[in-house]
C-alpha atoms as a PDB file:
ATOM      1  CA  MET A   1     -72.777   5.494 -20.293  1.00  0.00           C
ATOM      2  CA  SER A   2     -73.337   1.965 -21.536  1.00  0.00           C
ATOM      3  CA  ILE A   3     -76.220  -0.447 -21.097  1.00  0.00           C
ATOM      4  CA  LYS A   4     -75.556  -3.815 -19.510  1.00  0.00           C
ATOM      5  CA  ALA A   5     -77.713  -6.928 -19.835  1.00  0.00           C
ATOM      6  CA  PHE A   6     -77.320 -10.404 -18.386  1.00  0.00           C
ATOM      7  CA  VAL A   7     -78.332 -13.149 -20.794  1.00  0.00           C
ATOM      8  CA  LEU A   8     -79.138 -16.462 -19.069  1.00  0.00           C
ATOM      9  CA  ILE A   9     -78.662 -19.279 -21.546  1.00  0.00           C
ATOM     10  CA  VAL A  10     -79.797 -22.913 -21.639  1.00  0.00           C
ATOM     11  CA  VAL A  11     -77.550 -25.015 -23.865  1.00  0.00           C
ATOM     12  CA  ASP A  12     -77.586 -28.521 -25.327  1.00  0.00           C
ATOM     13  CA  PRO A  13     -75.236 -30.268 -22.847  1.00  0.00           C
ATOM     14  CA  ALA A  14     -73.168 -31.759 -25.666  1.00  0.00           C
ATOM     15  CA  LYS A  15     -72.434 -28.275 -27.043  1.00  0.00           C
ATOM     16  CA  THR A  16     -71.686 -26.272 -23.901  1.00  0.00           C
ATOM     17  CA  MET A  17     -68.005 -25.654 -24.647  1.00  0.00           C
ATOM     18  CA  ASP A  18     -68.700 -24.842 -28.306  1.00  0.00           C
ATOM     19  CA  VAL A  19     -71.328 -22.276 -27.315  1.00  0.00           C
ATOM     20  CA  TYR A  20     -69.092 -20.832 -24.593  1.00  0.00           C
ATOM     21  CA  ASN A  21     -66.182 -20.405 -27.028  1.00  0.00           C
ATOM     22  CA  SER A  22     -68.425 -18.906 -29.721  1.00  0.00           C
ATOM     23  CA  LEU A  23     -69.883 -16.329 -27.341  1.00  0.00           C
ATOM     24  CA  ARG A  24     -66.463 -15.191 -26.128  1.00  0.00           C
ATOM     25  CA  SER A  25     -65.737 -13.704 -29.552  1.00  0.00           C
ATOM     26  CA  VAL A  26     -69.051 -11.870 -30.086  1.00  0.00           C
ATOM     27  CA  GLU A  27     -68.831  -8.090 -30.288  1.00  0.00           C
ATOM     28  CA  GLY A  28     -71.013  -6.593 -27.574  1.00  0.00           C
ATOM     29  CA  ILE A  29     -70.439  -9.433 -25.109  1.00  0.00           C
ATOM     30  CA  ALA A  30     -68.125  -8.263 -22.337  1.00  0.00           C
ATOM     31  CA  GLU A  31     -68.039 -11.440 -20.231  1.00  0.00           C
ATOM     32  CA  VAL A  32     -69.134 -15.085 -20.498  1.00  0.00           C
ATOM     33  CA  TYR A  33     -69.454 -17.579 -17.626  1.00  0.00           C
ATOM     34  CA  GLN A  34     -70.366 -21.243 -17.369  1.00  0.00           C
ATOM     35  CA  VAL A  35     -72.661 -21.668 -14.369  1.00  0.00           C
ATOM     36  CA  MET A  36     -74.514 -24.390 -12.483  1.00  0.00           C
ATOM     37  CA  GLY A  37     -78.254 -24.301 -11.932  1.00  0.00           C
ATOM     38  CA  PRO A  38     -81.193 -23.867 -14.283  1.00  0.00           C
ATOM     39  CA  TYR A  39     -78.950 -22.048 -16.785  1.00  0.00           C
ATOM     40  CA  ASP A  40     -75.699 -23.231 -18.336  1.00  0.00           C
ATOM     41  CA  ILE A  41     -74.088 -19.969 -19.445  1.00  0.00           C
ATOM     42  CA  VAL A  42     -74.413 -16.325 -18.455  1.00  0.00           C
ATOM     43  CA  ALA A  43     -73.303 -13.740 -21.008  1.00  0.00           C
ATOM     44  CA  VAL A  44     -72.857 -10.118 -20.016  1.00  0.00           C
ATOM     45  CA  VAL A  45     -73.808  -7.838 -22.894  1.00  0.00           C
ATOM     46  CA  GLU A  46     -72.450  -4.307 -22.766  1.00  0.00           C
ATOM     47  CA  VAL A  47     -73.545  -1.916 -25.515  1.00  0.00           C
ATOM     48  CA  PRO A  48     -73.856   1.847 -25.958  1.00  0.00           C
ATOM     49  CA  THR A  49     -77.671   2.062 -26.070  1.00  0.00           C
ATOM     50  CA  LEU A  50     -80.726   0.064 -25.072  1.00  0.00           C
ATOM     51  CA  THR A  51     -81.698  -0.329 -28.718  1.00  0.00           C
ATOM     52  CA  ASP A  52     -78.452  -2.258 -29.360  1.00  0.00           C
ATOM     53  CA  VAL A  53     -79.388  -5.064 -26.948  1.00  0.00           C
ATOM     54  CA  PRO A  54     -81.982  -6.880 -29.129  1.00  0.00           C
ATOM     55  CA  ALA A  55     -79.612  -7.018 -32.106  1.00  0.00           C
ATOM     56  CA  VAL A  56     -76.824  -8.647 -30.101  1.00  0.00           C
ATOM     57  CA  ILE A  57     -79.245 -11.192 -28.681  1.00  0.00           C
ATOM     58  CA  SER A  58     -81.129 -12.086 -31.845  1.00  0.00           C
ATOM     59  CA  ARG A  59     -78.316 -11.888 -34.395  1.00  0.00           C
ATOM     60  CA  HIS A  60     -75.334 -13.052 -32.376  1.00  0.00           C
ATOM     61  CA  ILE A  61     -76.458 -15.042 -29.354  1.00  0.00           C
ATOM     62  CA  ARG A  62     -79.590 -16.909 -30.432  1.00  0.00           C
ATOM     63  CA  ALA A  63     -77.930 -17.708 -33.762  1.00  0.00           C
ATOM     64  CA  VAL A  64     -75.291 -19.876 -32.057  1.00  0.00           C
ATOM     65  CA  GLU A  65     -75.920 -23.572 -32.654  1.00  0.00           C
ATOM     66  CA  GLY A  66     -76.607 -25.433 -29.420  1.00  0.00           C
ATOM     67  CA  ILE A  67     -78.484 -22.652 -27.623  1.00  0.00           C
ATOM     68  CA  GLU A  68     -81.930 -23.896 -26.607  1.00  0.00           C
ATOM     69  CA  SER A  69     -83.321 -20.795 -24.855  1.00  0.00           C
ATOM     70  CA  THR A  70     -82.372 -17.415 -23.439  1.00  0.00           C
ATOM     71  CA  THR A  71     -83.671 -15.101 -20.748  1.00  0.00           C
ATOM     72  CA  THR A  72     -82.458 -11.503 -20.792  1.00  0.00           C
ATOM     73  CA  CYS A  73     -82.232  -9.198 -17.785  1.00  0.00           C
ATOM     74  CA  VAL A  74     -81.436  -5.597 -18.718  1.00  0.00           C
ATOM     75  CA  THR A  75     -80.012  -3.451 -15.932  1.00  0.00           C
ATOM     76  CA  PHE A  76     -81.336  -0.016 -15.034  1.00  0.00           C
ATOM     77  CA  PRO A  77     -79.022   2.805 -16.111  1.00  0.00           C
ATOM     78  CA  GLU A  78     -76.820   3.922 -13.234  1.00  0.00           C
ATOM     79  CA  ALA A  79     -77.662   7.273 -11.755  1.00  0.00           C
ATOM     80  CA  SER A  80     -74.796   9.732 -11.704  1.00  0.00           C
END
């Protein structure tokens, strides 16, 4: 079973496409969407364990130039 988290990202408007393209190639990110509203991009992180989530966010998402802030929503594990 994997852990899924939705990362809501605010981006410098001049760098939206650069950030979007950078995130598409990050290991641990399953999907990336540009959205309208208070956030500019939503990245779907999918990793094997809960302890893998912070590393993807801090090392690979927040390190991307142009990202101003992130909010992370981790899903509950699905019951089987």
